[in-house]
PDB file of N, CA and C in Angstrom:
ATOM      1  N   MET A   1     105.861 105.563 100.244  1.00  0.00           N
ATOM      2  CA  MET A   1     105.444 104.401 101.006  1.00  0.00           C
ATOM      3  C   MET A   1     103.991 104.611 101.438  1.00  0.00           C
ATOM      4  N   PHE A   2     103.265 103.528 101.440  1.00  0.00           N
ATOM      5  CA  PHE A   2     101.844 103.576 101.792  1.00  0.00           C
ATOM      6  C   PHE A   2     101.627 102.974 103.174  1.00  0.00           C
ATOM      7  N   ASN A   3     100.648 103.489 103.925  1.00  0.00           N
ATOM      8  CA  ASN A   3     100.275 102.952 105.231  1.00  0.00           C
ATOM      9  C   ASN A   3      99.070 102.046 105.083  1.00  0.00           C
ATOM     10  N   PHE A   4      99.230 100.783 105.406  1.00  0.00           N
ATOM     11  CA  PHE A   4      98.133  99.822 105.334  1.00  0.00           C
ATOM     12  C   PHE A   4      98.467  98.616 106.190  1.00  0.00           C
ATOM     13  N   THR A   5      97.460  97.799 106.437  1.00  0.00           N
ATOM     14  CA  THR A   5      97.637  96.542 107.159  1.00  0.00           C
ATOM     15  C   THR A   5      97.264  95.407 106.217  1.00  0.00           C
ATOM     16  N   SER A   6      98.170  94.447 106.078  1.00  0.00           N
ATOM     17  CA  SER A   6      97.929  93.305 105.202  1.00  0.00           C
ATOM     18  C   SER A   6      98.654  92.088 105.759  1.00  0.00           C
ATOM     19  N   SER A   7      98.019  90.939 105.655  1.00  0.00           N
ATOM     20  CA  SER A   7      98.679  89.714 106.104  1.00  0.00           C
ATOM     21  C   SER A   7      99.644  89.182 105.049  1.00  0.00           C
ATOM     22  N   ALA A   8      99.504  89.637 103.807  1.00  0.00           N
ATOM     23  CA  ALA A   8     100.335  89.128 102.716  1.00  0.00           C
ATOM     24  C   ALA A   8     101.467  90.070 102.327  1.00  0.00           C
ATOM     25  N   ILE A   9     101.284  91.373 102.546  1.00  0.00           N
ATOM     26  CA  ILE A   9     102.239  92.367 102.066  1.00  0.00           C
ATOM     27  C   ILE A   9     102.664  93.276 103.214  1.00  0.00           C
ATOM     28  N   ASP A  10     103.990  93.423 103.360  1.00  0.00           N
ATOM     29  CA  ASP A  10     104.522  94.291 104.416  1.00  0.00           C
ATOM     30  C   ASP A  10     104.588  95.747 103.983  1.00  0.00           C
ATOM     31  N   SER A  11     105.035  95.991 102.736  1.00  0.00           N
ATOM     32  CA  SER A  11     105.147  97.382 102.298  1.00  0.00           C
ATOM     33  C   SER A  11     105.131  97.488 100.776  1.00  0.00           C
ATOM     34  N   ILE A  12     104.740  98.676 100.323  1.00  0.00           N
ATOM     35  CA  ILE A  12     104.760  99.014  98.894  1.00  0.00           C
ATOM     36  C   ILE A  12     105.317 100.420  98.788  1.00  0.00           C
ATOM     37  N   SER A  13     106.286 100.592  97.894  1.00  0.00           N
ATOM     38  CA  SER A  13     106.841 101.920  97.659  1.00  0.00           C
ATOM     39  C   SER A  13     107.086 102.092  96.163  1.00  0.00           C
ATOM     40  N   THR A  14     107.189 103.344  95.749  1.00  0.00           N
ATOM     41  CA  THR A  14     107.460 103.631  94.343  1.00  0.00           C
ATOM     42  C   THR A  14     108.805 104.330  94.238  1.00  0.00           C
ATOM     43  N   GLU A  15     109.459 104.075  93.117  1.00  0.00           N
ATOM     44  CA  GLU A  15     110.746 104.712  92.832  1.00  0.00           C
ATOM     45  C   GLU A  15     110.814 104.886  91.324  1.00  0.00           C
ATOM     46  N   GLY A  16     110.480 106.070  90.855  1.00  0.00           N
ATOM     47  CA  GLY A  16     110.410 106.298  89.415  1.00  0.00           C
ATOM     48  C   GLY A  16     109.283 105.479  88.821  1.00  0.00           C
ATOM     49  N   ASP A  17     109.596 104.652  87.822  1.00  0.00           N
ATOM     50  CA  ASP A  17     108.604 103.770  87.198  1.00  0.00           C
ATOM     51  C   ASP A  17     108.505 102.425  87.892  1.00  0.00           C
ATOM     52  N   ASN A  18     109.255 102.227  88.964  1.00  0.00           N
ATOM     53  CA  ASN A  18     109.261 100.944  89.665  1.00  0.00           C
ATOM     54  C   ASN A  18     108.343 100.957  90.875  1.00  0.00           C
ATOM     55  N   ILE A  19     107.707  99.822  91.096  1.00  0.00           N
ATOM     56  CA  ILE A  19     106.895  99.579  92.284  1.00  0.00           C
ATOM     57  C   ILE A  19     107.627  98.491  93.064  1.00  0.00           C
ATOM     58  N   ASN A  20     108.033  98.800  94.281  1.00  0.00           N
ATOM     59  CA  ASN A  20     108.743  97.836  95.122  1.00  0.00           C
ATOM     60  C   ASN A  20     107.780  97.277  96.152  1.00  0.00           C
ATOM     61  N   ILE A  21     107.641  95.965  96.160  1.00  0.00           N
ATOM     62  CA  ILE A  21     106.700  95.310  97.064  1.00  0.00           C
ATOM     63  C   ILE A  21     107.461  94.326  97.943  1.00  0.00           C
ATOM     64  N   THR A  22     107.302  94.479  99.254  1.00  0.00           N
ATOM     65  CA  THR A  22     107.868  93.531 100.204  1.00  0.00           C
ATOM     66  C   THR A  22     106.721  92.687 100.744  1.00  0.00           C
ATOM     67  N   PHE A  23     106.804  91.401 100.460  1.00  0.00           N
ATOM     68  CA  PHE A  23     105.776  90.467 100.901  1.00  0.00           C
ATOM     69  C   PHE A  23     106.081  89.996 102.318  1.00  0.00           C
ATOM     70  N   ALA A  24     105.067  89.483 103.000  1.00  0.00           N
ATOM     71  CA  ALA A  24     105.256  88.921 104.335  1.00  0.00           C
ATOM     72  C   ALA A  24     106.360  87.870 104.253  1.00  0.00           C
ATOM     73  N   GLY A  25     107.225  87.874 105.219  1.00  0.00           N
ATOM     74  CA  GLY A  25     108.350  86.953 105.205  1.00  0.00           C
ATOM     75  C   GLY A  25     109.609  87.592 104.638  1.00  0.00           C
ATOM     76  N   GLY A  26     109.487  88.852 104.168  1.00  0.00           N
ATOM     77  CA  GLY A  26     110.665  89.586 103.751  1.00  0.00           C
ATOM     78  C   GLY A  26     111.053  89.497 102.288  1.00  0.00           C
ATOM     79  N   ARG A  27     110.305  88.761 101.478  1.00  0.00           N
ATOM     80  CA  ARG A  27     110.644  88.688 100.048  1.00  0.00           C
ATOM     81  C   ARG A  27     110.301  90.018  99.392  1.00  0.00           C
ATOM     82  N   GLU A  28     111.292  90.631  98.752  1.00  0.00           N
ATOM     83  CA  GLU A  28     111.071  91.916  98.107  1.00  0.00           C
ATOM     84  C   GLU A  28     111.244  91.767  96.603  1.00  0.00           C
ATOM     85  N   TYR A  29     110.286  92.338  95.857  1.00  0.00           N
ATOM     86  CA  TYR A  29     110.318  92.275  94.405  1.00  0.00           C
ATOM     87  C   TYR A  29     110.091  93.666  93.837  1.00  0.00           C
ATOM     88  N   SER A  30     110.672  93.898  92.677  1.00  0.00           N
ATOM     89  CA  SER A  30     110.504  95.164  91.986  1.00  0.00           C
ATOM     90  C   SER A  30     109.698  94.910  90.720  1.00  0.00           C
ATOM     91  N   TYR A  31     108.697  95.743  90.493  1.00  0.00           N
ATOM     92  CA  TYR A  31     107.816  95.621  89.338  1.00  0.00           C
ATOM     93  C   TYR A  31     107.822  96.931  88.572  1.00  0.00           C
ATOM     94  N   THR A  32     107.465  96.855  87.300  1.00  0.00           N
ATOM     95  CA  THR A  32     107.265  98.056  86.497  1.00  0.00           C
ATOM     96  C   THR A  32     105.794  98.121  86.104  1.00  0.00           C
ATOM     97  N   THR A  33     105.362  99.328  85.810  1.00  0.00           N
ATOM     98  CA  THR A  33     104.011  99.539  85.330  1.00  0.00           C
ATOM     99  C   THR A  33     104.038 100.708  84.352  1.00  0.00           C
ATOM    100  N   GLU A  34     103.144 100.689  83.394  1.00  0.00           N
ATOM    101  CA  GLU A  34     103.110 101.764  82.396  1.00  0.00           C
ATOM    102  C   GLU A  34     102.609 103.070  82.981  1.00  0.00           C
ATOM    103  N   ASP A  35     101.773 102.994  84.021  1.00  0.00           N
ATOM    104  CA  ASP A  35     101.169 104.200  84.582  1.00  0.00           C
ATOM    105  C   ASP A  35     101.250 104.160  86.112  1.00  0.00           C
ATOM    106  N   VAL A  36     102.368 104.630  86.648  1.00  0.00           N
ATOM    107  CA  VAL A  36     102.581 104.615  88.090  1.00  0.00           C
ATOM    108  C   VAL A  36     101.526 105.457  88.800  1.00  0.00           C
ATOM    109  N   THR A  37     101.163 106.587  88.213  1.00  0.00           N
ATOM    110  CA  THR A  37     100.182 107.478  88.826  1.00  0.00           C
ATOM    111  C   THR A  37      98.840 106.776  89.001  1.00  0.00           C
ATOM    112  N   LYS A  38      98.385 106.059  87.981  1.00  0.00           N
ATOM    113  CA  LYS A  38      97.113 105.326  88.073  1.00  0.00           C
ATOM    114  C   LYS A  38      97.210 104.209  89.105  1.00  0.00           C
ATOM    115  N   PHE A  39      98.330 103.471  89.090  1.00  0.00           N
ATOM    116  CA  PHE A  39      98.506 102.384  90.056  1.00  0.00           C
ATOM    117  C   PHE A  39      98.439 102.924  91.478  1.00  0.00           C
ATOM    118  N   THR A  40      99.163 104.020  91.762  1.00  0.00           N
ATOM    119  CA  THR A  40      99.175 104.559  93.117  1.00  0.00           C
ATOM    120  C   THR A  40      97.805 105.119  93.509  1.00  0.00           C
ATOM    121  N   ALA A  41      97.097 105.719  92.558  1.00  0.00           N
ATOM    122  CA  ALA A  41      95.745 106.224  92.848  1.00  0.00           C
ATOM    123  C   ALA A  41      94.803 105.065  93.157  1.00  0.00           C
ATOM    124  N   ASP A  42      94.880 103.994  92.359  1.00  0.00           N
ATOM    125  CA  ASP A  42      94.024 102.824  92.597  1.00  0.00           C
ATOM    126  C   ASP A  42      94.359 102.167  93.936  1.00  0.00           C
ATOM    127  N   LEU A  43      95.649 102.068  94.244  1.00  0.00           N
ATOM    128  CA  LEU A  43      96.064 101.495  95.523  1.00  0.00           C
ATOM    129  C   LEU A  43      95.570 102.362  96.679  1.00  0.00           C
ATOM    130  N   SER A  44      95.679 103.661  96.549  1.00  0.00           N
ATOM    131  CA  SER A  44      95.189 104.569  97.587  1.00  0.00           C
ATOM    132  C   SER A  44      93.688 104.391  97.814  1.00  0.00           C
ATOM    133  N   ASP A  45      92.937 104.186  96.729  1.00  0.00           N
ATOM    134  CA  ASP A  45      91.493 103.935  96.852  1.00  0.00           C
ATOM    135  C   ASP A  45      91.226 102.656  97.630  1.00  0.00           C
ATOM    136  N   VAL A  46      91.985 101.607  97.326  1.00  0.00           N
ATOM    137  CA  VAL A  46      91.816 100.327  98.035  1.00  0.00           C
ATOM    138  C   VAL A  46      92.089 100.527  99.525  1.00  0.00           C
ATOM    139  N   ILE A  47      93.177 101.227  99.840  1.00  0.00           N
ATOM    140  CA  ILE A  47      93.537 101.459 101.240  1.00  0.00           C
ATOM    141  C   ILE A  47      92.477 102.310 101.934  1.00  0.00           C
ATOM    142  N   THR A  48      92.041 103.379 101.287  1.00  0.00           N
ATOM    143  CA  THR A  48      91.022 104.269 101.859  1.00  0.00           C
ATOM    144  C   THR A  48      89.730 103.526 102.143  1.00  0.00           C
ATOM    145  N   ASN A  49      89.347 102.628 101.229  1.00  0.00           N
ATOM    146  CA  ASN A  49      88.105 101.873 101.383  1.00  0.00           C
ATOM    147  C   ASN A  49      88.287 100.590 102.194  1.00  0.00           C
ATOM    148  N   GLU A  50      89.476 100.450 102.800  1.00  0.00           N
ATOM    149  CA  GLU A  50      89.811  99.301 103.636  1.00  0.00           C
ATOM    150  C   GLU A  50      89.631  97.987 102.895  1.00  0.00           C
ATOM    151  N   GLY A  51      89.981  97.998 101.601  1.00  0.00           N
ATOM    152  CA  GLY A  51      89.952  96.778 100.797  1.00  0.00           C
ATOM    153  C   GLY A  51      91.206  95.955 101.028  1.00  0.00           C
ATOM    154  N   SER A  52      91.276  94.826 100.370  1.00  0.00           N
ATOM    155  CA  SER A  52      92.411  93.923 100.509  1.00  0.00           C
ATOM    156  C   SER A  52      93.542  94.347  99.575  1.00  0.00           C
ATOM    157  N   VAL A  53      94.649  94.783 100.170  1.00  0.00           N
ATOM    158  CA  VAL A  53      95.816  95.186  99.392  1.00  0.00           C
ATOM    159  C   VAL A  53      96.402  93.971  98.678  1.00  0.00           C
ATOM    160  N   GLY A  54      96.422  92.823  99.347  1.00  0.00           N
ATOM    161  CA  GLY A  54      96.937  91.598  98.733  1.00  0.00           C
ATOM    162  C   GLY A  54      96.147  91.207  97.493  1.00  0.00           C
ATOM    163  N   LYS A  55      94.822  91.266  97.572  1.00  0.00           N
ATOM    164  CA  LYS A  55      93.979  90.948  96.412  1.00  0.00           C
ATOM    165  C   LYS A  55      94.215  91.938  95.285  1.00  0.00           C
ATOM    166  N   PHE A  56      94.351  93.216  95.627  1.00  0.00           N
ATOM    167  CA  PHE A  56      94.596  94.243  94.621  1.00  0.00           C
ATOM    168  C   PHE A  56      95.912  93.973  93.893  1.00  0.00           C
ATOM    169  N   VAL A  57      96.980  93.731  94.633  1.00  0.00           N
ATOM    170  CA  VAL A  57      98.289  93.479  94.015  1.00  0.00           C
ATOM    171  C   VAL A  57      98.223  92.222  93.160  1.00  0.00           C
ATOM    172  N   ASN A  58      97.612  91.171  93.674  1.00  0.00           N
ATOM    173  CA  ASN A  58      97.481  89.937  92.908  1.00  0.00           C
ATOM    174  C   ASN A  58      96.722  90.166  91.603  1.00  0.00           C
ATOM    175  N   SER A  59      95.645  90.933  91.677  1.00  0.00           N
ATOM    176  CA  SER A  59      94.854  91.252  90.495  1.00  0.00           C
ATOM    177  C   SER A  59      95.685  92.044  89.479  1.00  0.00           C
ATOM    178  N   MET A  60      96.472  92.997  89.956  1.00  0.00           N
ATOM    179  CA  MET A  60      97.309  93.803  89.062  1.00  0.00           C
ATOM    180  C   MET A  60      98.377  92.942  88.374  1.00  0.00           C
ATOM    181  N   MET A  61      98.871  91.930  89.079  1.00  0.00           N
ATOM    182  CA  MET A  61      99.847  91.001  88.479  1.00  0.00           C
ATOM    183  C   MET A  61      99.179  90.152  87.401  1.00  0.00           C
ATOM    184  N   LYS A  62      98.006  89.625  87.713  1.00  0.00           N
ATOM    185  CA  LYS A  62      97.290  88.773  86.752  1.00  0.00           C
ATOM    186  C   LYS A  62      96.890  89.539  85.501  1.00  0.00           C
ATOM    187  N   GLN A  63      96.603  90.829  85.651  1.00  0.00           N
ATOM    188  CA  GLN A  63      96.209  91.660  84.510  1.00  0.00           C
ATOM    189  C   GLN A  63      97.424  92.250  83.771  1.00  0.00           C
ATOM    190  N   ASN A  64      98.617  91.865  84.222  1.00  0.00           N
ATOM    191  CA  ASN A  64      99.875  92.362  83.659  1.00  0.00           C
ATOM    192  C   ASN A  64     100.053  93.871  83.798  1.00  0.00           C
ATOM    193  N   VAL A  65      99.364  94.473  84.753  1.00  0.00           N
ATOM    194  CA  VAL A  65      99.592  95.879  85.061  1.00  0.00           C
ATOM    195  C   VAL A  65     100.951  96.010  85.753  1.00  0.00           C
ATOM    196  N   LEU A  66     101.245  95.037  86.642  1.00  0.00           N
ATOM    197  CA  LEU A  66     102.555  94.952  87.264  1.00  0.00           C
ATOM    198  C   LEU A  66     103.334  93.839  86.570  1.00  0.00           C
ATOM    199  N   GLN A  67     104.534  94.180  86.131  1.00  0.00           N
ATOM    200  CA  GLN A  67     105.392  93.203  85.472  1.00  0.00           C
ATOM    201  C   GLN A  67     106.753  93.220  86.163  1.00  0.00           C
ATOM    202  N   THR A  68     107.359  92.047  86.308  1.00  0.00           N
ATOM    203  CA  THR A  68     108.638  91.986  86.971  1.00  0.00           C
ATOM    204  C   THR A  68     109.660  92.840  86.244  1.00  0.00           C
ATOM    205  N   ALA A  69     110.434  93.561  87.041  1.00  0.00           N
ATOM    206  CA  ALA A  69     111.420  94.499  86.479  1.00  0.00           C
ATOM    207  C   ALA A  69     112.653  93.755  85.973  1.00  0.00           C
TER     208      ALA A  69
END
């Protein structure tokens, strides 16, 4: 689980090859990615640099890095 503040996303966690994202309002979705290590490293960079986690996740979805499980 990652520590961050976002108006769009409540939490992100990994479980094997799955990325579990809980959006504001309680909607939880499970995604797969080919490279969990890269995704988590990129997400950690966004959090460290105080970037927008919501924009990052949205971008990863649009680029098909995250795909619905």
